[in-house]
Each structure stands twice: as C-alpha cells, then as structure tokens.
Amino acid sequence: MFGSRLSLGSLVRVFWRPVSVTWALTILETATLAALPLLIGHSIDGLLGGDWTPFVWLMATMGALLILATGRRVYDTRAYGTMRVAFGEAIVDRAAGKPVSAVTARLTMGRELVDFLETDVPQVMAAALQLIASVIVLFSFHGYLAASAGGATVAVLLVYGLSSGRFFRLNRALNRQTEKQVTALVSGVPTRLRDHLSVLRRYEVRISDTEALVYGLVFALLLAMLGFNLWFAATQSGASPGQIFSIVAYSYEFMESAVILPATLQSLTRIAEITARINGPLQLR
C-alpha cells in the first residue's frame, strides 16, 4: 500500500482524497478568518457613521466561519484516525521479528507523522495564507507596514536556519534512546531503567532549552514589528480609528502566524529523523 518507504509522501499518496478534502476546508476556513479584521474595521467606521451594512456582512462571515471550522474538525478526526490504523499496521509488519522495544517505539513515532499531517500541515497552510493576506492588507495601507512584516519574516527564518541542525541531532539522539525503553523495563535492573530515564531527560532538556532560545528571539523580532506598525499607524499614516484597528489586528495576526513557522519547521526536523529511523535498520546499541 505504502510502497518501499514509509513517509509523509506515501501517506498523502495513499490517502490523497481525505487529505485533499481537509486541506481544501483549511484554505476556506483560513480565507474566511483572514477577512475578519478588515470587516471589523469597516464595521467600526460604518457603525460610527450610522451604516449597519458592514456589520451585517461581518455577522454573516462569522456564521460561515463557525460552520467551516466545526465541519473540518469533525471530518479530520475520522479521516486521520483511519490513517493511523493503516500506517501503524504497516510499521509493525515491516518490523516483524525485531525486538519489541524498538517496534513499540517506532509505532509511537510513526503516529507522529499522521499527527503532523492532521495538525501541523493545516496550521502551516493557514499561517502561510494568513501571512500573505496580512502583508497584502498592510501594503494597501502603507508600504512601510508591509516592509516591516516582511523583514521580520526573513529574520525569523534566519534564526531557525541557524538552529535546525542542532534540533535534528538532538531529536536523533532522543529517538535512539526511546527505542531502548522496553528493553530497560523488562531487564528488571533498577539502575538500568534509571539511567535510561536520565538520558531521556537530558536530551529533552536540551531540546527544550534550544526551543526556548529560538522562540525568545522570534518573539522579540515579531514584537518589534508589532510595536513599529502600531506607532506608524497611530502617528504617521493618517488612518481612521477602524483602519488603525485593522492595521494592528493584521500585524498581530501576522505575528501569531509567523511564530507557527519555526515551530512547524522544528516539528518537520523531528519528522525527518523519525522517517529515516522507521525505514532504517535497528540500532539498539
């Protein structure tokens, strides 16, 4: 079913119909969500001027968003649940006759690939669309607003690029140690289990510390962008109250979306290591 290699690509190839449906729903949901700050800004200016039409459009859009968001999540649970069953069976079949410790670990790791498709891919799709929409709307107000957002994005990707190698090495070491867990449990030697858990903790702390440093730098860059756009909108652009709200709202949504990118890239680094592991030979030593 999955061919010679178990991977994200083989998952998408086998289950392309449900994946296409959930991605299409994600795009529709994101496009509707991206329009809200602009509609809210128009509603503010409209209500201040006695015009209720923009407000009616805002309420209708919110109703459509509620239906899309609920429907997508109901569908996702069933579609990706089926994928987990099939992918788990494939992993166990290919590891037949191997130590239970490694098979159990790989079965758990393999579920992360389906989790990535279900959670991370729609998130990064939504984030990318939101980033594009935010830049376009900000540019429609003033080029400087879009330029500050674009500069922040480049800086965020640079920060991740400098740390991606360390993420891969640490996840590789963590996964290698995880494959030894059942063996440590059935050994009946307390010190062996304690040593195993201590090694897991050491790698988890290193990964967490690296994530904290990366996200701290990312947040600092994006908060600087948000602060600049707020100052520029309020003091330099001559925008109306509703327009200022829209500028700040899109800048904030840009910040939230940009934060997702390095988080997803970090998850993709772990997925790449897991893919290589579940398709490679066992290394229990």
Protein backbone atom coordinates (compact mmCIF):
# COMPACT_ATOMS: atom_id res chain seq x y z
CA MET A 1 0.00 0.00 0.00
CA PHE A 2 2.68 2.48 1.05
CA GLY A 3 5.41 1.31 -1.32
CA SER A 4 9.03 0.79 -0.38
CA ARG A 5 9.27 3.73 2.04
CA LEU A 6 7.02 4.88 4.89
CA SER A 7 6.89 8.67 4.85
CA LEU A 8 4.66 11.73 4.74
CA GLY A 9 4.69 11.47 0.96
CA SER A 10 3.45 7.87 0.97
CA LEU A 11 0.71 8.79 3.44
CA VAL A 12 -0.52 11.60 1.20
CA ARG A 13 -0.30 9.38 -1.89
CA VAL A 14 -2.39 6.57 -0.36
CA PHE A 15 -4.94 8.83 1.35
CA TRP A 16 -4.97 11.70 -1.14
CA ARG A 17 -8.76 12.03 -1.19
CA PRO A 18 -9.35 12.71 2.54
CA VAL A 19 -6.16 14.80 2.69
CA SER A 20 -7.36 16.93 -0.24
CA VAL A 21 -10.74 17.48 1.44
CA THR A 22 -9.25 18.57 4.76
CA TRP A 23 -6.73 20.87 3.04
CA ALA A 24 -9.49 22.47 0.94
CA LEU A 25 -11.56 23.06 4.09
CA THR A 26 -8.48 24.54 5.79
CA ILE A 27 -7.97 27.01 2.93
CA LEU A 28 -11.63 28.09 3.02
CA GLU A 29 -11.56 28.47 6.80
CA THR A 30 -8.34 30.49 6.70
CA ALA A 31 -9.56 32.77 3.92
CA THR A 32 -12.73 33.50 5.90
CA LEU A 33 -10.75 34.08 9.09
CA ALA A 34 -8.30 36.38 7.30
CA ALA A 35 -11.14 38.65 6.22
CA LEU A 36 -12.42 39.26 9.76
CA PRO A 37 -10.08 42.10 10.89
CA LEU A 38 -10.80 44.07 7.72
CA LEU A 39 -14.54 43.51 8.12
CA ILE A 40 -14.34 44.54 11.79
CA GLY A 41 -12.52 47.73 10.82
CA HIS A 42 -15.19 48.55 8.22
CA SER A 43 -17.89 47.77 10.78
CA ILE A 44 -16.34 50.17 13.28
CA ASP A 45 -16.24 53.00 10.76
CA GLY A 46 -19.71 52.07 9.46
CA LEU A 47 -21.36 51.98 12.88
CA LEU A 48 -19.72 55.28 13.84
CA GLY A 49 -21.26 56.75 10.68
CA GLY A 50 -24.67 55.08 11.16
CA ASP A 51 -24.22 52.46 8.42
CA TRP A 52 -25.14 48.91 9.53
CA THR A 53 -24.36 47.12 6.25
CA PRO A 54 -20.68 46.28 7.06
CA PHE A 55 -21.78 44.93 10.44
CA VAL A 56 -24.33 42.60 8.79
CA TRP A 57 -21.62 41.28 6.45
CA LEU A 58 -19.37 40.70 9.47
CA MET A 59 -22.03 38.62 11.25
CA ALA A 60 -22.69 36.55 8.13
CA THR A 61 -18.97 35.86 7.72
CA MET A 62 -18.69 34.77 11.35
CA GLY A 63 -21.57 32.33 10.83
CA ALA A 64 -19.86 30.83 7.78
CA LEU A 65 -16.60 30.53 9.72
CA LEU A 66 -18.33 28.66 12.54
CA ILE A 67 -19.78 26.10 10.11
CA LEU A 68 -16.47 25.60 8.27
CA ALA A 69 -14.37 25.27 11.42
CA THR A 70 -16.72 22.79 13.08
CA GLY A 71 -17.19 20.69 9.95
CA ARG A 72 -13.47 20.42 9.27
CA ARG A 73 -12.66 19.21 12.76
CA VAL A 74 -15.41 16.57 12.71
CA TYR A 75 -14.14 15.27 9.36
CA ASP A 76 -10.46 15.37 10.39
CA THR A 77 -10.96 13.13 13.41
CA ARG A 78 -12.39 10.31 11.31
CA ALA A 79 -10.08 10.65 8.30
CA TYR A 80 -6.81 10.79 10.21
CA GLY A 81 -7.91 8.08 12.63
CA THR A 82 -8.18 5.72 9.66
CA MET A 83 -4.68 6.77 8.55
CA ARG A 84 -3.19 5.98 11.97
CA VAL A 85 -4.58 2.45 11.88
CA ALA A 86 -3.22 1.69 8.40
CA PHE A 87 0.16 3.33 9.00
CA GLY A 88 0.61 1.57 12.35
CA GLU A 89 -0.09 -1.81 10.76
CA ALA A 90 2.49 -1.08 8.05
CA ILE A 91 5.16 -0.18 10.62
CA VAL A 92 4.55 -3.35 12.65
CA ASP A 93 4.55 -5.54 9.52
CA ARG A 94 7.92 -4.21 8.40
CA ALA A 95 9.42 -4.65 11.87
CA ALA A 96 8.21 -8.24 12.27
CA GLY A 97 10.68 -10.34 14.24
CA LYS A 98 12.51 -7.31 15.65
CA PRO A 99 12.84 -6.52 19.40
CA VAL A 100 9.57 -5.37 20.96
CA SER A 101 11.30 -2.32 22.48
CA ALA A 102 12.19 -0.86 19.09
CA VAL A 103 8.90 -1.85 17.42
CA THR A 104 6.90 -0.18 20.19
CA ALA A 105 8.96 2.98 19.96
CA ARG A 106 8.66 3.10 16.17
CA LEU A 107 4.91 2.55 16.33
CA THR A 108 4.62 5.57 18.62
CA MET A 109 6.96 7.62 16.44
CA GLY A 110 5.03 6.65 13.30
CA ARG A 111 1.85 8.13 14.74
CA GLU A 112 3.67 11.44 14.87
CA LEU A 113 3.74 11.50 11.05
CA VAL A 114 -0.06 11.28 10.93
CA ASP A 115 -0.30 13.84 13.76
CA PHE A 116 1.90 16.14 11.69
CA LEU A 117 -0.43 15.82 8.69
CA GLU A 118 -3.51 16.38 10.85
CA THR A 119 -2.28 19.27 12.98
CA ASP A 120 0.94 20.84 11.74
CA VAL A 121 0.31 20.89 7.98
CA PRO A 122 -3.08 22.65 8.25
CA GLN A 123 -1.54 25.05 10.74
CA VAL A 124 1.34 25.95 8.46
CA MET A 125 -1.02 26.24 5.48
CA ALA A 126 -3.24 28.58 7.46
CA ALA A 127 -0.21 30.50 8.73
CA ALA A 128 1.22 30.93 5.22
CA LEU A 129 -2.11 32.14 3.84
CA GLN A 130 -2.55 34.47 6.81
CA LEU A 131 0.95 35.86 6.30
CA ILE A 132 0.26 36.57 2.64
CA ALA A 133 -3.14 38.14 3.39
CA SER A 134 -1.67 40.25 6.19
CA VAL A 135 1.16 41.58 4.03
CA ILE A 136 -1.26 42.44 1.19
CA VAL A 137 -3.64 44.27 3.53
CA LEU A 138 -0.81 46.07 5.33
CA PHE A 139 0.67 47.09 1.97
CA SER A 140 -2.72 48.50 0.96
CA PHE A 141 -2.44 50.86 3.95
CA HIS A 142 1.26 51.73 3.56
CA GLY A 143 4.37 50.11 2.13
CA TYR A 144 6.34 50.62 5.34
CA LEU A 145 3.87 48.43 7.25
CA ALA A 146 4.33 45.55 4.81
CA ALA A 147 8.10 46.06 4.73
CA SER A 148 8.39 45.73 8.50
CA ALA A 149 6.40 42.47 8.39
CA GLY A 150 8.49 41.08 5.54
CA GLY A 151 11.76 41.98 7.28
CA ALA A 152 10.60 40.26 10.45
CA THR A 153 9.78 37.08 8.50
CA VAL A 154 13.24 36.93 6.94
CA ALA A 155 14.83 37.37 10.36
CA VAL A 156 12.64 34.62 11.88
CA LEU A 157 13.58 32.13 9.16
CA LEU A 158 17.25 33.01 9.59
CA VAL A 159 17.05 32.27 13.32
CA TYR A 160 15.51 28.88 12.64
CA GLY A 161 18.00 28.08 9.88
CA LEU A 162 20.87 28.58 12.29
CA SER A 163 19.31 26.19 14.84
CA SER A 164 17.84 23.45 12.60
CA GLY A 165 20.98 21.28 12.65
CA ARG A 166 21.02 21.18 16.44
CA PHE A 167 17.31 20.24 16.53
CA PHE A 168 17.94 17.31 14.18
CA ARG A 169 20.90 15.96 16.17
CA LEU A 170 19.07 16.19 19.50
CA ASN A 171 15.91 14.51 18.16
CA ARG A 172 18.01 11.73 16.64
CA ALA A 173 19.65 11.05 19.99
CA LEU A 174 16.30 11.19 21.83
CA ASN A 175 14.63 8.76 19.42
CA ARG A 176 17.57 6.36 19.56
CA GLN A 177 17.29 6.26 23.34
CA THR A 178 13.48 5.87 23.19
CA GLU A 179 13.90 2.65 21.20
CA LYS A 180 15.64 1.12 24.23
CA GLN A 181 12.81 1.79 26.70
CA VAL A 182 11.03 -1.56 26.74
CA THR A 183 14.37 -3.38 26.96
CA ALA A 184 15.25 -1.29 30.01
CA LEU A 185 11.87 -2.06 31.59
CA VAL A 186 12.00 -5.83 31.12
CA SER A 187 15.61 -6.07 32.26
CA GLY A 188 14.48 -5.84 35.88
CA VAL A 189 17.60 -3.84 36.78
CA PRO A 190 16.58 -0.61 38.58
CA THR A 191 19.81 1.19 37.74
CA ARG A 192 19.41 0.45 34.04
CA LEU A 193 15.91 1.95 33.98
CA ARG A 194 17.10 4.95 36.00
CA ASP A 195 19.97 5.54 33.60
CA HIS A 196 17.63 5.27 30.61
CA LEU A 197 15.19 7.82 32.06
CA SER A 198 18.05 10.15 32.98
CA VAL A 199 19.36 10.09 29.41
CA LEU A 200 15.86 10.83 28.08
CA ARG A 201 15.57 13.74 30.49
CA ARG A 202 18.94 15.13 29.42
CA TYR A 203 18.00 15.20 25.74
CA GLU A 204 14.52 16.56 26.45
CA VAL A 205 16.03 19.42 28.48
CA ARG A 206 18.48 20.23 25.68
CA ILE A 207 15.67 20.29 23.11
CA SER A 208 13.51 22.44 25.37
CA ASP A 209 16.34 24.90 26.05
CA THR A 210 17.03 25.24 22.32
CA GLU A 211 13.33 25.82 21.64
CA ALA A 212 13.15 28.45 24.38
CA LEU A 213 16.11 30.34 22.95
CA VAL A 214 14.77 30.20 19.38
CA TYR A 215 11.25 31.25 20.34
CA GLY A 216 12.57 34.03 22.56
CA LEU A 217 14.49 35.50 19.64
CA VAL A 218 11.50 35.03 17.33
CA PHE A 219 9.09 36.74 19.72
CA ALA A 220 11.47 39.66 20.21
CA LEU A 221 11.66 40.22 16.44
CA LEU A 222 7.90 39.98 15.95
CA LEU A 223 7.07 42.19 18.93
CA ALA A 224 9.37 44.85 17.48
CA MET A 225 7.43 44.62 14.20
CA LEU A 226 4.10 44.93 16.01
CA GLY A 227 5.30 47.92 18.01
CA PHE A 228 6.56 49.71 14.89
CA ASN A 229 3.31 49.14 12.98
CA LEU A 230 1.21 50.37 15.91
CA TRP A 231 3.32 53.53 16.20
CA PHE A 232 3.28 54.14 12.45
CA ALA A 233 -0.48 53.58 12.10
CA ALA A 234 -1.36 55.85 15.00
CA THR A 235 1.06 58.72 14.30
CA GLN A 236 2.21 58.66 10.66
CA SER A 237 -0.46 57.14 8.41
CA GLY A 238 -3.47 59.41 8.99
CA ALA A 239 -5.71 56.33 9.28
CA SER A 240 -9.25 56.33 10.72
CA PRO A 241 -10.00 54.51 14.00
CA GLY A 242 -11.32 51.49 12.11
CA GLN A 243 -8.27 51.44 9.83
CA ILE A 244 -5.91 51.65 12.80
CA PHE A 245 -7.71 48.67 14.34
CA SER A 246 -7.33 46.70 11.10
CA ILE A 247 -3.62 47.54 10.85
CA VAL A 248 -2.94 46.46 14.41
CA ALA A 249 -5.12 43.35 14.06
CA TYR A 250 -3.38 42.23 10.88
CA SER A 251 0.02 42.96 12.38
CA TYR A 252 -0.89 40.84 15.42
CA GLU A 253 -2.23 38.02 13.24
CA PHE A 254 0.97 38.23 11.20
CA MET A 255 2.93 37.82 14.43
CA GLU A 256 0.87 34.80 15.51
CA SER A 257 1.24 33.17 12.07
CA ALA A 258 4.98 33.84 11.86
CA VAL A 259 5.51 32.13 15.22
CA ILE A 260 3.95 28.95 13.79
CA LEU A 261 6.53 28.71 11.00
CA PRO A 262 9.63 27.96 13.12
CA ALA A 263 7.57 25.66 15.36
CA THR A 264 6.40 23.70 12.32
CA LEU A 265 9.87 23.62 10.82
CA GLN A 266 11.19 22.26 14.11
CA SER A 267 8.49 19.56 14.02
CA LEU A 268 9.43 18.78 10.43
CA THR A 269 13.04 18.30 11.54
CA ARG A 270 11.83 15.68 14.04
CA ILE A 271 9.60 14.06 11.39
CA ALA A 272 12.57 13.80 9.02
CA GLU A 273 14.59 11.98 11.69
CA ILE A 274 11.65 9.66 12.50
CA THR A 275 11.14 8.86 8.81
CA ALA A 276 14.79 7.90 8.43
CA ARG A 277 14.57 5.78 11.59
CA ILE A 278 11.41 3.78 10.80
CA ASN A 279 12.79 3.00 7.34
CA GLY A 280 16.29 2.16 8.50
CA PRO A 281 17.93 -0.72 10.38
CA LEU A 282 17.57 -1.06 14.11
CA GLN A 283 20.36 0.38 16.24
CA LEU A 284 19.90 -0.69 19.82
CA ARG A 285 23.41 -0.12 20.98
